[in-house]
Amino acid sequence: MRGLVLAWPLALGACVAAEVPAASACGAAGMQSLVGQDASVLVAMTLAVGTRIIEPGMAVTEDYSETRLNINVDADGKITRVWCG
């Protein structure tokens, strides 16, 4: 019985880790320095096809794609989050 108790947390940990998106799959890990900057910096950048720049109130589909870059911008035009999904 003791083996089962120890194995269960390991199995649960594996499931949780699989659900966390890899920030490198879409390049978000290397773009975290954009957070806090004005969204106007994005104009000079070459972003991958399919990149979403998400503004407040904007409709966004909930489909998941680990290779899609998402950039959240707040009402003041500041980048608040860069993520894959």
C-alpha atoms as a PDB file:
ATOM      1  CA  MET A   1       0.000   0.000   0.000  1.00  0.00           C
ATOM      2  CA  ARG A   2       2.832   2.374   0.767  1.00  0.00           C
ATOM      3  CA  GLY A   3       4.072   2.155  -2.850  1.00  0.00           C
ATOM      4  CA  LEU A   4       0.687   3.282  -4.103  1.00  0.00           C
ATOM      5  CA  VAL A   5       0.653   6.305  -1.825  1.00  0.00           C
ATOM      6  CA  LEU A   6       4.072   7.414  -3.087  1.00  0.00           C
ATOM      7  CA  ALA A   7       3.300   6.748  -6.750  1.00  0.00           C
ATOM      8  CA  TRP A   8       0.084   8.795  -6.775  1.00  0.00           C
ATOM      9  CA  PRO A   9       1.755  12.211  -6.195  1.00  0.00           C
ATOM     10  CA  LEU A  10       4.288  11.431  -8.904  1.00  0.00           C
ATOM     11  CA  ALA A  11       1.555  10.592 -11.404  1.00  0.00           C
ATOM     12  CA  LEU A  12      -0.371  13.730 -10.491  1.00  0.00           C
ATOM     13  CA  GLY A  13       2.764  15.856 -10.883  1.00  0.00           C
ATOM     14  CA  ALA A  14       3.336  14.450 -14.366  1.00  0.00           C
ATOM     15  CA  CYS A  15      -0.199  15.404 -15.398  1.00  0.00           C
ATOM     16  CA  VAL A  16       0.120  18.952 -14.082  1.00  0.00           C
ATOM     17  CA  ALA A  17       3.491  19.463 -15.767  1.00  0.00           C
ATOM     18  CA  ALA A  18       2.083  18.346 -19.126  1.00  0.00           C
ATOM     19  CA  GLU A  19      -0.618  21.051 -18.973  1.00  0.00           C
ATOM     20  CA  VAL A  20       1.785  23.964 -18.455  1.00  0.00           C
ATOM     21  CA  PRO A  21       2.639  25.523 -21.835  1.00  0.00           C
ATOM     22  CA  ALA A  22       6.289  25.789 -22.719  1.00  0.00           C
ATOM     23  CA  ALA A  23       7.081  29.483 -23.076  1.00  0.00           C
ATOM     24  CA  SER A  24       9.724  28.598 -25.629  1.00  0.00           C
ATOM     25  CA  ALA A  25       7.349  26.808 -28.019  1.00  0.00           C
ATOM     26  CA  CYS A  26       6.202  30.136 -29.489  1.00  0.00           C
ATOM     27  CA  GLY A  27       9.186  32.282 -28.545  1.00  0.00           C
ATOM     28  CA  ALA A  28       7.507  33.988 -25.579  1.00  0.00           C
ATOM     29  CA  ALA A  29      10.373  33.127 -23.226  1.00  0.00           C
ATOM     30  CA  GLY A  30      12.745  35.332 -25.207  1.00  0.00           C
ATOM     31  CA  MET A  31      10.273  38.211 -25.417  1.00  0.00           C
ATOM     32  CA  GLN A  32       9.504  38.793 -21.744  1.00  0.00           C
ATOM     33  CA  SER A  33      11.453  42.059 -21.836  1.00  0.00           C
ATOM     34  CA  LEU A  34       8.502  43.524 -23.769  1.00  0.00           C
ATOM     35  CA  VAL A  35       6.317  43.446 -20.652  1.00  0.00           C
ATOM     36  CA  GLY A  36       5.888  46.998 -19.400  1.00  0.00           C
ATOM     37  CA  GLN A  37       6.842  48.603 -22.702  1.00  0.00           C
ATOM     38  CA  ASP A  38       4.531  50.623 -24.922  1.00  0.00           C
ATOM     39  CA  ALA A  39       2.791  48.514 -27.573  1.00  0.00           C
ATOM     40  CA  SER A  40       4.157  50.842 -30.271  1.00  0.00           C
ATOM     41  CA  VAL A  41       7.426  48.854 -30.115  1.00  0.00           C
ATOM     42  CA  LEU A  42       5.574  45.975 -31.794  1.00  0.00           C
ATOM     43  CA  VAL A  43       5.261  47.963 -35.041  1.00  0.00           C
ATOM     44  CA  ALA A  44       9.014  47.707 -35.655  1.00  0.00           C
ATOM     45  CA  MET A  45       9.108  43.966 -34.910  1.00  0.00           C
ATOM     46  CA  THR A  46       8.635  41.034 -37.245  1.00  0.00           C
ATOM     47  CA  LEU A  47       6.164  38.782 -35.464  1.00  0.00           C
ATOM     48  CA  ALA A  48       5.267  35.245 -36.482  1.00  0.00           C
ATOM     49  CA  VAL A  49       2.174  34.733 -38.608  1.00  0.00           C
ATOM     50  CA  GLY A  50      -0.759  34.094 -36.296  1.00  0.00           C
ATOM     51  CA  THR A  51       0.550  36.222 -33.420  1.00  0.00           C
ATOM     52  CA  ARG A  52      -2.333  37.732 -31.472  1.00  0.00           C
ATOM     53  CA  ILE A  53      -2.076  41.194 -29.984  1.00  0.00           C
ATOM     54  CA  ILE A  54      -4.896  41.147 -27.476  1.00  0.00           C
ATOM     55  CA  GLU A  55      -6.399  44.445 -26.358  1.00  0.00           C
ATOM     56  CA  PRO A  56      -9.020  45.004 -23.609  1.00  0.00           C
ATOM     57  CA  GLY A  57     -12.500  43.906 -24.668  1.00  0.00           C
ATOM     58  CA  MET A  58     -11.214  42.120 -27.756  1.00  0.00           C
ATOM     59  CA  ALA A  59     -12.884  38.800 -28.591  1.00  0.00           C
ATOM     60  CA  VAL A  60     -10.358  35.956 -28.535  1.00  0.00           C
ATOM     61  CA  THR A  61     -10.937  32.312 -29.359  1.00  0.00           C
ATOM     62  CA  GLU A  62     -10.151  29.824 -26.623  1.00  0.00           C
ATOM     63  CA  ASP A  63      -8.490  27.259 -28.875  1.00  0.00           C
ATOM     64  CA  TYR A  64      -5.012  26.330 -27.677  1.00  0.00           C
ATOM     65  CA  SER A  65      -1.913  26.350 -29.840  1.00  0.00           C
ATOM     66  CA  GLU A  66       1.435  26.057 -28.059  1.00  0.00           C
ATOM     67  CA  THR A  67       3.176  27.619 -31.058  1.00  0.00           C
ATOM     68  CA  ARG A  68       0.972  30.742 -31.170  1.00  0.00           C
ATOM     69  CA  LEU A  69       2.408  33.897 -29.602  1.00  0.00           C
ATOM     70  CA  ASN A  70      -0.044  36.059 -27.658  1.00  0.00           C
ATOM     71  CA  ILE A  71       0.694  39.577 -26.475  1.00  0.00           C
ATOM     72  CA  ASN A  72      -1.692  41.269 -24.053  1.00  0.00           C
ATOM     73  CA  VAL A  73      -1.928  45.063 -24.112  1.00  0.00           C
ATOM     74  CA  ASP A  74      -3.788  47.102 -21.474  1.00  0.00           C
ATOM     75  CA  ALA A  75      -6.032  50.155 -21.944  1.00  0.00           C
ATOM     76  CA  ASP A  76      -3.003  52.450 -21.620  1.00  0.00           C
ATOM     77  CA  GLY A  77      -1.235  50.725 -24.522  1.00  0.00           C
ATOM     78  CA  LYS A  78       1.306  48.918 -22.324  1.00  0.00           C
ATOM     79  CA  ILE A  79       2.271  45.297 -22.885  1.00  0.00           C
ATOM     80  CA  THR A  80       1.182  43.312 -19.841  1.00  0.00           C
ATOM     81  CA  ARG A  81       1.810  39.707 -20.829  1.00  0.00           C
ATOM     82  CA  VAL A  82       3.620  37.675 -23.504  1.00  0.00           C
ATOM     83  CA  TRP A  83       2.602  34.016 -23.640  1.00  0.00           C
ATOM     84  CA  CYS A  84       2.066  30.906 -25.733  1.00  0.00           C
ATOM     85  CA  GLY A  85      -1.372  29.470 -26.282  1.00  0.00           C
END
